[in-house]
Amino acid sequence: MLAARAQAIRKQKQQHPFVEEGVLLSKLMAYCSKEAHSCVEKSAMICFVKLRILEPDDKCSLRGATLQQVSLTFLYCQHNSVL
C-alpha cells in the first residue's frame, strides 16, 4: 500500500504541481472486501489512506460491478457536493 500511495501521489503531483502533498493524500481512497485480511485495514491506517470496506458477493468475491457502483456514487456525490 505504501508503494501504491507513493505512485498515486506522484501522479497527482504531476497533474497538480502546486497542490501540497497533504491535500493530495487526503483525497486518496482504498477499497477492499469485508473478507480481506485485517492487515489491509492496518496498512491503510499506517499509510493515512481512507479505506472503504465493501460487501462481497455470495461467493465471497469483490466484483468489478460493486467497485464501479461505489465509484460512480462517489463521483456523483462529489459533483453535487453531498460529501
Protein backbone atom coordinates (compact mmCIF):
# COMPACT_ATOMS: atom_id res chain seq x y z
CA MET A 1 0.00 0.00 0.00
CA LEU A 2 2.94 2.34 0.63
CA ALA A 3 4.13 1.87 -2.94
CA ALA A 4 0.64 2.43 -4.35
CA ARG A 5 0.23 5.54 -2.20
CA ALA A 6 3.57 6.95 -3.36
CA GLN A 7 2.71 6.25 -7.01
CA ALA A 8 -0.74 7.85 -6.70
CA ILE A 9 0.68 10.97 -5.06
CA ARG A 10 3.43 11.18 -7.68
CA LYS A 11 0.84 11.03 -10.50
CA GLN A 12 -1.40 13.60 -8.83
CA LYS A 13 1.59 15.88 -8.17
CA GLN A 14 2.38 15.84 -11.90
CA GLN A 15 -1.18 16.89 -12.71
CA HIS A 16 -1.41 19.41 -9.87
CA PRO A 17 2.13 20.62 -9.14
CA PHE A 18 1.11 23.46 -6.82
CA VAL A 19 -1.09 21.38 -4.52
CA GLU A 20 0.53 20.25 -1.28
CA GLU A 21 1.08 16.52 -0.81
CA GLY A 22 -1.04 16.55 2.35
CA VAL A 23 -4.03 17.73 0.36
CA LEU A 24 -3.45 15.05 -2.26
CA LEU A 25 -3.07 12.41 0.45
CA SER A 26 -6.41 13.43 1.95
CA LYS A 27 -8.10 12.58 -1.37
CA LEU A 28 -6.79 9.01 -1.59
CA MET A 29 -9.23 6.16 -1.05
CA ALA A 30 -8.54 2.43 -0.92
CA TYR A 31 -11.18 -0.26 -1.30
CA CYS A 32 -11.26 -3.80 0.00
CA SER A 33 -13.70 -6.60 0.61
CA LYS A 34 -15.18 -7.27 4.02
CA GLU A 35 -13.40 -10.63 3.64
CA ALA A 36 -9.94 -9.01 3.34
CA HIS A 37 -7.32 -9.76 5.98
CA SER A 38 -7.09 -7.29 8.86
CA CYS A 39 -3.61 -6.27 7.68
CA VAL A 40 -5.27 -4.33 4.83
CA GLU A 41 -7.07 -2.12 7.32
CA LYS A 42 -3.93 -1.72 9.42
CA SER A 43 -1.82 -0.78 6.40
CA ALA A 44 -4.39 1.85 5.38
CA MET A 45 -4.14 3.36 8.86
CA ILE A 46 -0.35 3.34 8.75
CA CYS A 47 -0.38 4.96 5.29
CA PHE A 48 -3.03 7.55 6.26
CA VAL A 49 -5.24 6.34 3.39
CA LYS A 50 -9.01 6.23 3.82
CA LEU A 51 -10.41 2.74 3.42
CA ARG A 52 -13.88 1.71 2.27
CA ILE A 53 -14.80 -1.83 3.18
CA LEU A 54 -17.26 -3.27 0.68
CA GLU A 55 -19.60 -6.24 0.83
CA PRO A 56 -18.55 -9.26 -1.23
CA ASP A 57 -20.97 -11.26 -3.36
CA ASP A 58 -22.41 -14.65 -2.41
CA LYS A 59 -19.12 -16.28 -3.47
CA CYS A 60 -17.11 -14.04 -1.11
CA SER A 61 -15.62 -12.09 -4.03
CA LEU A 62 -15.47 -8.38 -4.59
CA ARG A 63 -16.71 -7.80 -8.13
CA GLY A 64 -15.89 -5.03 -10.56
CA ALA A 65 -19.56 -4.05 -10.71
CA THR A 66 -19.50 -3.32 -6.97
CA LEU A 67 -16.43 -1.12 -7.34
CA GLN A 68 -17.95 0.63 -10.32
CA GLN A 69 -21.17 1.35 -8.43
CA VAL A 70 -19.25 2.72 -5.44
CA SER A 71 -17.01 4.91 -7.58
CA LEU A 72 -19.93 6.26 -9.61
CA THR A 73 -21.82 7.06 -6.41
CA PHE A 74 -18.73 8.83 -5.04
CA LEU A 75 -18.29 10.87 -8.23
CA TYR A 76 -21.99 11.81 -8.22
CA CYS A 77 -21.83 12.91 -4.58
CA GLN A 78 -18.59 14.80 -5.14
CA HIS A 79 -20.02 16.59 -8.17
CA ASN A 80 -23.16 17.53 -6.28
CA SER A 81 -21.27 18.44 -3.07
CA VAL A 82 -23.12 15.89 -0.99
CA LEU A 83 -19.94 14.71 0.75
